[in-house]
Amino acid sequence: MTARPLDLDAVQAFVLVADLSSFTRAAEALDTTQSAVSLKLKRLEERLGQRLLERTPRRVRLSAEGAEFLDAARDLLSAHTRALSGRAGARMSLRIGISDQSAGTDLPILLAKVGAYDRSLRIEVRIGASHGLLTAYDGGELDAVIACRDGERRDGERLFIEPYDWFALPDWEQPAGEPLRIASLSSPCTVRAQALKSLDDAGVAWSEVFVGGGLSAVSAAVSAGLAVAPLTRRMCPPRAVEIGSRLGLPLLPPIEIALYTRASEPRTCEAIRILVAALRAAIVG
């Protein structure tokens, strides 16, 4: 007797829950509800006669059987994609821009999750300032952009809000009588503009002593003890601490991160949803 085939939708849901460690984020990636994902997983576990996931109120993790099944599940989804494409070598491309503020240090892990889910998708990533990425998007060079929201635009979907603080090394001291030493991304940069405006509004004298072309450069300046920088907790270098309250610096406004996309093909739309869900999982859980 031939074994009844597995439900591919349920296998897909399982892989996403495993990769995102969250039923909520998997539901976002699939554009469905959390209860629908839970039901798919329950039926898949019943079909296999194994418990694939260990669920607790705070986290989701693979069981031993789930970890063993994961590679086979990926292979099954990959074979299904190749069958739908009509030829094994068919590949689709997604050109996406991600701002320094959005990417942080989590980007390699996030892209790995998207790539593992759809192995036939070719992802081109451009990292840069939000303004430049949106200009490239408007020029048709990018299919999607995740960046700081441009208040003058009517398009864009809000993804999340990130709080910013002033960070420096724990023993960093502001030299008496000197302007506050600042490290920031180069202009135009939404975070830089708002941070400097906050200082001006508070009457705090400042001097940019390091202007970096990327987040890694700014983090290196902070790690070297050169300056204070406006960063999020997930972006700051390992040894840095929040220092604004000790120095009496003004509170920084949060930054809104938005998605701009013109993608319409189902697979690229799905890849974008997975990337967004993974980013939300890394930031807000």
C-alpha atoms as a PDB file:
ATOM      1  CA  MET A   1       0.000   0.000   0.000  1.00  0.00           C
ATOM      2  CA  THR A   2       1.393   3.415  -0.990  1.00  0.00           C
ATOM      3  CA  ALA A   3       1.913   5.790   1.912  1.00  0.00           C
ATOM      4  CA  ARG A   4      -0.296   8.873   1.843  1.00  0.00           C
ATOM      5  CA  PRO A   5       1.827  11.907   0.783  1.00  0.00           C
ATOM      6  CA  LEU A   6       2.601  14.643   3.250  1.00  0.00           C
ATOM      7  CA  ASP A   7       0.736  17.942   3.162  1.00  0.00           C
ATOM      8  CA  LEU A   8       3.253  20.363   1.629  1.00  0.00           C
ATOM      9  CA  ASP A   9       1.591  23.355   3.273  1.00  0.00           C
ATOM     10  CA  ALA A  10       2.128  21.724   6.652  1.00  0.00           C
ATOM     11  CA  VAL A  11       5.764  20.913   5.825  1.00  0.00           C
ATOM     12  CA  GLN A  12       6.247  24.525   4.755  1.00  0.00           C
ATOM     13  CA  ALA A  13       4.780  25.758   8.036  1.00  0.00           C
ATOM     14  CA  PHE A  14       7.038  23.409  10.010  1.00  0.00           C
ATOM     15  CA  VAL A  15      10.206  24.690   8.304  1.00  0.00           C
ATOM     16  CA  LEU A  16       9.251  28.300   8.947  1.00  0.00           C
ATOM     17  CA  VAL A  17       8.400  27.705  12.603  1.00  0.00           C
ATOM     18  CA  ALA A  18      11.749  25.920  12.971  1.00  0.00           C
ATOM     19  CA  ASP A  19      13.670  28.738  11.306  1.00  0.00           C
ATOM     20  CA  LEU A  20      11.880  31.595  13.053  1.00  0.00           C
ATOM     21  CA  SER A  21      11.332  29.875  16.411  1.00  0.00           C
ATOM     22  CA  SER A  22       7.866  31.383  16.480  1.00  0.00           C
ATOM     23  CA  PHE A  23       4.355  30.443  15.382  1.00  0.00           C
ATOM     24  CA  THR A  24       3.504  34.137  15.176  1.00  0.00           C
ATOM     25  CA  ARG A  25       6.368  34.987  12.812  1.00  0.00           C
ATOM     26  CA  ALA A  26       5.745  31.880  10.718  1.00  0.00           C
ATOM     27  CA  ALA A  27       2.130  32.978  10.325  1.00  0.00           C
ATOM     28  CA  GLU A  28       3.310  36.403   9.151  1.00  0.00           C
ATOM     29  CA  ALA A  29       5.629  34.795   6.607  1.00  0.00           C
ATOM     30  CA  LEU A  30       2.783  32.633   5.296  1.00  0.00           C
ATOM     31  CA  ASP A  31       0.281  35.506   5.389  1.00  0.00           C
ATOM     32  CA  THR A  32      -2.079  33.480   7.584  1.00  0.00           C
ATOM     33  CA  THR A  33      -3.049  33.152  11.242  1.00  0.00           C
ATOM     34  CA  GLN A  34      -1.171  31.614  14.143  1.00  0.00           C
ATOM     35  CA  SER A  35      -4.031  29.189  14.793  1.00  0.00           C
ATOM     36  CA  ALA A  36      -3.878  27.994  11.181  1.00  0.00           C
ATOM     37  CA  VAL A  37      -0.148  27.310  11.524  1.00  0.00           C
ATOM     38  CA  SER A  38      -0.701  25.454  14.797  1.00  0.00           C
ATOM     39  CA  LEU A  39      -3.369  23.283  13.176  1.00  0.00           C
ATOM     40  CA  LYS A  40      -1.078  22.431  10.234  1.00  0.00           C
ATOM     41  CA  LEU A  41       1.709  21.438  12.602  1.00  0.00           C
ATOM     42  CA  LYS A  42      -0.621  19.323  14.717  1.00  0.00           C
ATOM     43  CA  ARG A  43      -1.814  17.409  11.654  1.00  0.00           C
ATOM     44  CA  LEU A  44       1.744  16.939  10.398  1.00  0.00           C
ATOM     45  CA  GLU A  45       2.828  15.529  13.744  1.00  0.00           C
ATOM     46  CA  GLU A  46      -0.174  13.191  13.737  1.00  0.00           C
ATOM     47  CA  ARG A  47       0.635  12.089  10.190  1.00  0.00           C
ATOM     48  CA  LEU A  48       4.275  11.335  11.095  1.00  0.00           C
ATOM     49  CA  GLY A  49       3.451   9.913  14.501  1.00  0.00           C
ATOM     50  CA  GLN A  50       6.165  12.108  16.022  1.00  0.00           C
ATOM     51  CA  ARG A  51       6.363  15.270  18.044  1.00  0.00           C
ATOM     52  CA  LEU A  52       8.370  17.707  15.929  1.00  0.00           C
ATOM     53  CA  LEU A  53       8.328  20.769  18.196  1.00  0.00           C
ATOM     54  CA  GLU A  54       8.649  21.418  21.894  1.00  0.00           C
ATOM     55  CA  ARG A  55       6.341  24.282  22.861  1.00  0.00           C
ATOM     56  CA  THR A  56       6.643  26.418  25.978  1.00  0.00           C
ATOM     57  CA  PRO A  57       4.992  29.770  26.788  1.00  0.00           C
ATOM     58  CA  ARG A  58       8.237  31.605  25.970  1.00  0.00           C
ATOM     59  CA  ARG A  59       9.849  29.678  23.139  1.00  0.00           C
ATOM     60  CA  VAL A  60       9.528  27.031  20.452  1.00  0.00           C
ATOM     61  CA  ARG A  61      12.296  24.581  19.683  1.00  0.00           C
ATOM     62  CA  LEU A  62      12.789  21.430  17.673  1.00  0.00           C
ATOM     63  CA  SER A  63      12.437  18.045  19.293  1.00  0.00           C
ATOM     64  CA  ALA A  64      15.047  15.408  18.441  1.00  0.00           C
ATOM     65  CA  GLU A  65      12.641  13.998  15.848  1.00  0.00           C
ATOM     66  CA  GLY A  66      11.982  17.472  14.474  1.00  0.00           C
ATOM     67  CA  ALA A  67      15.689  18.195  14.047  1.00  0.00           C
ATOM     68  CA  GLU A  68      16.075  14.905  12.194  1.00  0.00           C
ATOM     69  CA  PHE A  69      13.092  15.663   9.942  1.00  0.00           C
ATOM     70  CA  LEU A  70      14.120  19.261   9.118  1.00  0.00           C
ATOM     71  CA  ASP A  71      16.626  18.492   6.332  1.00  0.00           C
ATOM     72  CA  ALA A  72      14.210  16.086   4.671  1.00  0.00           C
ATOM     73  CA  ALA A  73      11.490  18.741   4.890  1.00  0.00           C
ATOM     74  CA  ARG A  74      13.752  21.277   3.181  1.00  0.00           C
ATOM     75  CA  ASP A  75      14.577  18.774   0.448  1.00  0.00           C
ATOM     76  CA  LEU A  76      10.891  18.087  -0.110  1.00  0.00           C
ATOM     77  CA  LEU A  77      10.079  21.789  -0.476  1.00  0.00           C
ATOM     78  CA  SER A  78      13.060  22.306  -2.782  1.00  0.00           C
ATOM     79  CA  ALA A  79      11.967  19.424  -5.036  1.00  0.00           C
ATOM     80  CA  HIS A  80       8.452  20.842  -5.123  1.00  0.00           C
ATOM     81  CA  THR A  81       9.788  24.253  -6.190  1.00  0.00           C
ATOM     82  CA  ARG A  82      11.848  22.679  -8.972  1.00  0.00           C
ATOM     83  CA  ALA A  83       8.829  20.717 -10.175  1.00  0.00           C
ATOM     84  CA  LEU A  84       6.713  23.856 -10.340  1.00  0.00           C
ATOM     85  CA  SER A  85       9.419  25.784 -12.191  1.00  0.00           C
ATOM     86  CA  GLY A  86       9.510  23.182 -14.957  1.00  0.00           C
ATOM     87  CA  ARG A  87      13.277  22.707 -14.910  1.00  0.00           C
ATOM     88  CA  ALA A  88      15.786  21.948 -12.198  1.00  0.00           C
ATOM     89  CA  GLY A  89      18.064  24.871 -13.044  1.00  0.00           C
ATOM     90  CA  ALA A  90      15.431  27.584 -12.966  1.00  0.00           C
ATOM     91  CA  ARG A  91      16.269  30.369 -10.533  1.00  0.00           C
ATOM     92  CA  MET A  92      14.500  33.538  -9.569  1.00  0.00           C
ATOM     93  CA  SER A  93      16.162  36.711  -8.396  1.00  0.00           C
ATOM     94  CA  LEU A  94      15.233  39.133  -5.640  1.00  0.00           C
ATOM     95  CA  ARG A  95      17.045  42.470  -5.501  1.00  0.00           C
ATOM     96  CA  ILE A  96      16.620  43.947  -2.063  1.00  0.00           C
ATOM     97  CA  GLY A  97      18.105  46.963  -0.321  1.00  0.00           C
ATOM     98  CA  ILE A  98      18.500  47.015   3.464  1.00  0.00           C
ATOM     99  CA  SER A  99      19.584  50.090   5.373  1.00  0.00           C
ATOM    100  CA  ASP A 100      22.399  49.918   7.915  1.00  0.00           C
ATOM    101  CA  GLN A 101      19.926  50.693  10.695  1.00  0.00           C
ATOM    102  CA  SER A 102      17.611  47.860   9.615  1.00  0.00           C
ATOM    103  CA  ALA A 103      20.260  45.210   9.024  1.00  0.00           C
ATOM    104  CA  GLY A 104      22.326  45.589  12.167  1.00  0.00           C
ATOM    105  CA  THR A 105      24.520  42.583  12.889  1.00  0.00           C
ATOM    106  CA  ASP A 106      21.735  40.051  12.296  1.00  0.00           C
ATOM    107  CA  LEU A 107      21.712  40.219   8.497  1.00  0.00           C
ATOM    108  CA  PRO A 108      23.771  37.076   7.703  1.00  0.00           C
ATOM    109  CA  ILE A 109      21.532  34.967   9.937  1.00  0.00           C
ATOM    110  CA  LEU A 110      18.357  36.464   8.470  1.00  0.00           C
ATOM    111  CA  LEU A 111      19.456  35.895   4.872  1.00  0.00           C
ATOM    112  CA  ALA A 112      20.511  32.354   5.724  1.00  0.00           C
ATOM    113  CA  LYS A 113      16.968  31.629   6.887  1.00  0.00           C
ATOM    114  CA  VAL A 114      15.497  32.906   3.623  1.00  0.00           C
ATOM    115  CA  GLY A 115      18.080  31.031   1.549  1.00  0.00           C
ATOM    116  CA  ALA A 116      17.527  27.795   3.440  1.00  0.00           C
ATOM    117  CA  TYR A 117      13.808  28.018   2.844  1.00  0.00           C
ATOM    118  CA  ASP A 118      14.042  28.540  -0.932  1.00  0.00           C
ATOM    119  CA  ARG A 119      17.361  27.253  -2.211  1.00  0.00           C
ATOM    120  CA  SER A 120      16.608  28.152  -5.818  1.00  0.00           C
ATOM    121  CA  LEU A 121      16.106  31.859  -5.081  1.00  0.00           C
ATOM    122  CA  ARG A 122      19.014  34.158  -5.945  1.00  0.00           C
ATOM    123  CA  ILE A 123      19.121  37.069  -3.527  1.00  0.00           C
ATOM    124  CA  GLU A 124      21.015  40.256  -4.369  1.00  0.00           C
ATOM    125  CA  VAL A 125      21.453  42.474  -1.320  1.00  0.00           C
ATOM    126  CA  ARG A 126      22.539  46.098  -1.230  1.00  0.00           C
ATOM    127  CA  ILE A 127      23.399  47.683   2.127  1.00  0.00           C
ATOM    128  CA  GLY A 128      23.481  51.443   2.430  1.00  0.00           C
ATOM    129  CA  ALA A 129      21.809  54.604   3.603  1.00  0.00           C
ATOM    130  CA  SER A 130      18.016  54.732   3.455  1.00  0.00           C
ATOM    131  CA  HIS A 131      17.970  57.745   1.122  1.00  0.00           C
ATOM    132  CA  GLY A 132      20.263  56.129  -1.431  1.00  0.00           C
ATOM    133  CA  LEU A 133      18.403  52.826  -1.352  1.00  0.00           C
ATOM    134  CA  LEU A 134      15.043  54.513  -1.912  1.00  0.00           C
ATOM    135  CA  THR A 135      16.512  56.444  -4.838  1.00  0.00           C
ATOM    136  CA  ALA A 136      17.688  53.143  -6.346  1.00  0.00           C
ATOM    137  CA  TYR A 137      14.254  51.626  -5.674  1.00  0.00           C
ATOM    138  CA  ASP A 138      12.508  54.506  -7.434  1.00  0.00           C
ATOM    139  CA  GLY A 139      14.895  54.026 -10.351  1.00  0.00           C
ATOM    140  CA  GLY A 140      13.928  50.362 -10.724  1.00  0.00           C
ATOM    141  CA  GLU A 141      17.280  49.016  -9.507  1.00  0.00           C
ATOM    142  CA  LEU A 142      15.765  47.245  -6.484  1.00  0.00           C
ATOM    143  CA  ASP A 143      12.621  45.147  -6.045  1.00  0.00           C
ATOM    144  CA  ALA A 144      12.234  45.972  -2.359  1.00  0.00           C
ATOM    145  CA  VAL A 145      13.790  48.120   0.336  1.00  0.00           C
ATOM    146  CA  ILE A 146      13.752  47.868   4.129  1.00  0.00           C
ATOM    147  CA  ALA A 147      14.769  51.257   5.464  1.00  0.00           C
ATOM    148  CA  CYS A 148      13.956  54.201   7.709  1.00  0.00           C
ATOM    149  CA  ARG A 149      10.582  55.601   6.753  1.00  0.00           C
ATOM    150  CA  ASP A 150      10.659  58.683   4.578  1.00  0.00           C
ATOM    151  CA  GLY A 151       8.009  60.994   6.012  1.00  0.00           C
ATOM    152  CA  GLU A 152       7.468  62.638   2.638  1.00  0.00           C
ATOM    153  CA  ARG A 153       6.410  59.380   0.945  1.00  0.00           C
ATOM    154  CA  ARG A 154       2.953  57.859   0.931  1.00  0.00           C
ATOM    155  CA  ASP A 155       4.099  54.307   0.151  1.00  0.00           C
ATOM    156  CA  GLY A 156       5.763  51.906   2.541  1.00  0.00           C
ATOM    157  CA  GLU A 157       4.488  49.496   5.190  1.00  0.00           C
ATOM    158  CA  ARG A 158       5.524  50.065   8.792  1.00  0.00           C
ATOM    159  CA  LEU A 159       7.416  47.060  10.111  1.00  0.00           C
ATOM    160  CA  PHE A 160       8.490  48.082  13.612  1.00  0.00           C
ATOM    161  CA  ILE A 161       9.805  50.925  15.751  1.00  0.00           C
ATOM    162  CA  GLU A 162      13.325  50.804  17.166  1.00  0.00           C
ATOM    163  CA  PRO A 163      14.453  52.834  20.173  1.00  0.00           C
ATOM    164  CA  TYR A 164      17.820  54.588  19.997  1.00  0.00           C
ATOM    165  CA  ASP A 165      20.240  55.532  22.775  1.00  0.00           C
ATOM    166  CA  TRP A 166      23.719  57.011  23.138  1.00  0.00           C
ATOM    167  CA  PHE A 167      26.400  54.307  23.394  1.00  0.00           C
ATOM    168  CA  ALA A 168      30.098  54.358  24.300  1.00  0.00           C
ATOM    169  CA  LEU A 169      32.643  52.295  26.224  1.00  0.00           C
ATOM    170  CA  PRO A 170      31.862  51.899  29.958  1.00  0.00           C
ATOM    171  CA  ASP A 171      34.806  54.082  31.039  1.00  0.00           C
ATOM    172  CA  TRP A 172      34.285  56.754  28.388  1.00  0.00           C
ATOM    173  CA  GLU A 173      34.514  60.276  29.769  1.00  0.00           C
ATOM    174  CA  GLN A 174      33.568  63.519  28.075  1.00  0.00           C
ATOM    175  CA  PRO A 175      36.573  65.907  28.201  1.00  0.00           C
ATOM    176  CA  ALA A 176      35.654  68.935  30.301  1.00  0.00           C
ATOM    177  CA  GLY A 177      34.961  72.082  28.338  1.00  0.00           C
ATOM    178  CA  GLU A 178      34.944  70.305  24.978  1.00  0.00           C
ATOM    179  CA  PRO A 179      32.001  69.595  22.636  1.00  0.00           C
ATOM    180  CA  LEU A 180      30.507  66.102  22.795  1.00  0.00           C
ATOM    181  CA  ARG A 181      32.511  63.821  20.527  1.00  0.00           C
ATOM    182  CA  ILE A 182      30.136  62.096  18.092  1.00  0.00           C
ATOM    183  CA  ALA A 183      30.569  59.154  15.709  1.00  0.00           C
ATOM    184  CA  SER A 184      27.824  58.705  13.124  1.00  0.00           C
ATOM    185  CA  LEU A 185      26.946  57.458   9.683  1.00  0.00           C
ATOM    186  CA  SER A 186      27.575  59.847   6.828  1.00  0.00           C
ATOM    187  CA  SER A 187      24.850  62.178   5.573  1.00  0.00           C
ATOM    188  CA  PRO A 188      22.121  61.807   4.456  1.00  0.00           C
ATOM    189  CA  CYS A 189      21.102  59.633   7.397  1.00  0.00           C
ATOM    190  CA  THR A 190      17.825  59.845   9.319  1.00  0.00           C
ATOM    191  CA  VAL A 191      19.386  58.693  12.588  1.00  0.00           C
ATOM    192  CA  ARG A 192      22.266  61.165  12.314  1.00  0.00           C
ATOM    193  CA  ALA A 193      19.929  64.054  11.498  1.00  0.00           C
ATOM    194  CA  GLN A 194      17.593  63.338  14.416  1.00  0.00           C
ATOM    195  CA  ALA A 195      20.459  62.763  16.868  1.00  0.00           C
ATOM    196  CA  LEU A 196      22.157  66.043  16.017  1.00  0.00           C
ATOM    197  CA  LYS A 197      18.831  67.915  16.126  1.00  0.00           C
ATOM    198  CA  SER A 198      18.184  66.473  19.603  1.00  0.00           C
ATOM    199  CA  LEU A 199      21.554  67.796  20.770  1.00  0.00           C
ATOM    200  CA  ASP A 200      20.932  71.212  19.226  1.00  0.00           C
ATOM    201  CA  ASP A 201      17.454  71.437  20.778  1.00  0.00           C
ATOM    202  CA  ALA A 202      18.937  70.567  24.185  1.00  0.00           C
ATOM    203  CA  GLY A 203      21.738  73.105  23.808  1.00  0.00           C
ATOM    204  CA  VAL A 204      24.475  70.459  23.863  1.00  0.00           C
ATOM    205  CA  ALA A 205      27.604  71.424  21.939  1.00  0.00           C
ATOM    206  CA  TRP A 206      28.867  68.622  19.709  1.00  0.00           C
ATOM    207  CA  SER A 207      31.598  67.784  17.239  1.00  0.00           C
ATOM    208  CA  GLU A 208      31.617  64.950  14.726  1.00  0.00           C
ATOM    209  CA  VAL A 209      35.009  63.352  15.127  1.00  0.00           C
ATOM    210  CA  PHE A 210      34.223  60.217  13.103  1.00  0.00           C
ATOM    211  CA  VAL A 211      31.878  59.841  10.143  1.00  0.00           C
ATOM    212  CA  GLY A 212      31.601  56.263   8.893  1.00  0.00           C
ATOM    213  CA  GLY A 213      30.356  54.892   5.626  1.00  0.00           C
ATOM    214  CA  GLY A 214      28.712  51.946   7.376  1.00  0.00           C
ATOM    215  CA  LEU A 215      27.543  50.647  10.723  1.00  0.00           C
ATOM    216  CA  SER A 216      30.677  48.526  11.221  1.00  0.00           C
ATOM    217  CA  ALA A 217      32.852  51.646  10.919  1.00  0.00           C
ATOM    218  CA  VAL A 218      30.805  53.551  13.505  1.00  0.00           C
ATOM    219  CA  SER A 219      30.889  50.542  15.839  1.00  0.00           C
ATOM    220  CA  ALA A 220      34.669  50.356  15.427  1.00  0.00           C
ATOM    221  CA  ALA A 221      34.964  54.020  16.437  1.00  0.00           C
ATOM    222  CA  VAL A 222      32.921  53.351  19.576  1.00  0.00           C
ATOM    223  CA  SER A 223      34.972  50.244  20.387  1.00  0.00           C
ATOM    224  CA  ALA A 224      38.172  52.275  20.027  1.00  0.00           C
ATOM    225  CA  GLY A 225      36.909  54.814  22.554  1.00  0.00           C
ATOM    226  CA  LEU A 226      36.870  57.655  20.028  1.00  0.00           C
ATOM    227  CA  ALA A 227      33.347  58.919  20.551  1.00  0.00           C
ATOM    228  CA  VAL A 228      29.720  58.454  21.556  1.00  0.00           C
ATOM    229  CA  ALA A 229      27.292  57.174  18.907  1.00  0.00           C
ATOM    230  CA  PRO A 230      23.496  56.995  18.481  1.00  0.00           C
ATOM    231  CA  LEU A 231      22.749  53.262  18.159  1.00  0.00           C
ATOM    232  CA  THR A 232      20.228  50.585  19.044  1.00  0.00           C
ATOM    233  CA  ARG A 233      21.048  47.859  21.520  1.00  0.00           C
ATOM    234  CA  ARG A 234      21.300  45.228  18.773  1.00  0.00           C
ATOM    235  CA  MET A 235      23.659  47.400  16.705  1.00  0.00           C
ATOM    236  CA  CYS A 236      26.132  48.437  19.373  1.00  0.00           C
ATOM    237  CA  PRO A 237      29.504  46.666  19.749  1.00  0.00           C
ATOM    238  CA  PRO A 238      29.805  44.040  22.513  1.00  0.00           C
ATOM    239  CA  ARG A 239      31.590  46.200  25.113  1.00  0.00           C
ATOM    240  CA  ALA A 240      29.504  49.348  24.614  1.00  0.00           C
ATOM    241  CA  VAL A 241      26.928  50.505  27.149  1.00  0.00           C
ATOM    242  CA  GLU A 242      24.153  53.099  27.206  1.00  0.00           C
ATOM    243  CA  ILE A 243      25.791  56.281  28.381  1.00  0.00           C
ATOM    244  CA  GLY A 244      23.278  59.037  27.650  1.00  0.00           C
ATOM    245  CA  SER A 245      21.671  59.024  31.087  1.00  0.00           C
ATOM    246  CA  ARG A 246      25.058  59.366  32.841  1.00  0.00           C
ATOM    247  CA  LEU A 247      26.092  62.263  30.611  1.00  0.00           C
ATOM    248  CA  GLY A 248      22.704  63.970  30.737  1.00  0.00           C
ATOM    249  CA  LEU A 249      22.205  63.716  27.002  1.00  0.00           C
ATOM    250  CA  PRO A 250      18.749  64.225  25.446  1.00  0.00           C
ATOM    251  CA  LEU A 251      16.526  61.255  24.735  1.00  0.00           C
ATOM    252  CA  LEU A 252      16.594  60.148  21.113  1.00  0.00           C
ATOM    253  CA  PRO A 253      13.378  59.682  19.132  1.00  0.00           C
ATOM    254  CA  PRO A 254      12.685  56.111  17.955  1.00  0.00           C
ATOM    255  CA  ILE A 255      13.114  55.291  14.287  1.00  0.00           C
ATOM    256  CA  GLU A 256      10.351  53.759  12.194  1.00  0.00           C
ATOM    257  CA  ILE A 257      11.510  50.997   9.837  1.00  0.00           C
ATOM    258  CA  ALA A 258       9.334  50.449   6.759  1.00  0.00           C
ATOM    259  CA  LEU A 259       9.115  48.060   3.820  1.00  0.00           C
ATOM    260  CA  TYR A 260       8.898  49.416   0.297  1.00  0.00           C
ATOM    261  CA  THR A 261       8.202  46.786  -2.340  1.00  0.00           C
ATOM    262  CA  ARG A 262       6.958  46.370  -5.868  1.00  0.00           C
ATOM    263  CA  ALA A 263       7.461  42.591  -5.955  1.00  0.00           C
ATOM    264  CA  SER A 264       4.458  40.741  -7.365  1.00  0.00           C
ATOM    265  CA  GLU A 265       5.685  37.220  -8.144  1.00  0.00           C
ATOM    266  CA  PRO A 266       4.479  34.829  -5.391  1.00  0.00           C
ATOM    267  CA  ARG A 267       7.905  33.369  -4.597  1.00  0.00           C
ATOM    268  CA  THR A 268       9.642  36.727  -4.244  1.00  0.00           C
ATOM    269  CA  CYS A 269       6.751  38.086  -2.174  1.00  0.00           C
ATOM    270  CA  GLU A 270       7.032  35.052   0.065  1.00  0.00           C
ATOM    271  CA  ALA A 271      10.791  35.535   0.437  1.00  0.00           C
ATOM    272  CA  ILE A 272      10.244  39.155   1.471  1.00  0.00           C
ATOM    273  CA  ARG A 273       7.632  38.093   4.037  1.00  0.00           C
ATOM    274  CA  ILE A 274      10.059  35.522   5.458  1.00  0.00           C
ATOM    275  CA  LEU A 275      12.855  38.097   5.702  1.00  0.00           C
ATOM    276  CA  VAL A 276      10.535  40.592   7.419  1.00  0.00           C
ATOM    277  CA  ALA A 277       9.272  37.933   9.828  1.00  0.00           C
ATOM    278  CA  ALA A 278      12.850  36.901  10.642  1.00  0.00           C
ATOM    279  CA  LEU A 279      13.817  40.528  11.232  1.00  0.00           C
ATOM    280  CA  ARG A 280      10.836  41.053  13.547  1.00  0.00           C
ATOM    281  CA  ALA A 281      11.664  37.837  15.394  1.00  0.00           C
ATOM    282  CA  ALA A 282      15.230  39.074  15.956  1.00  0.00           C
ATOM    283  CA  ILE A 283      14.096  42.461  17.233  1.00  0.00           C
ATOM    284  CA  VAL A 284      10.768  42.075  19.024  1.00  0.00           C
ATOM    285  CA  GLY A 285      10.633  38.292  19.485  1.00  0.00           C
END
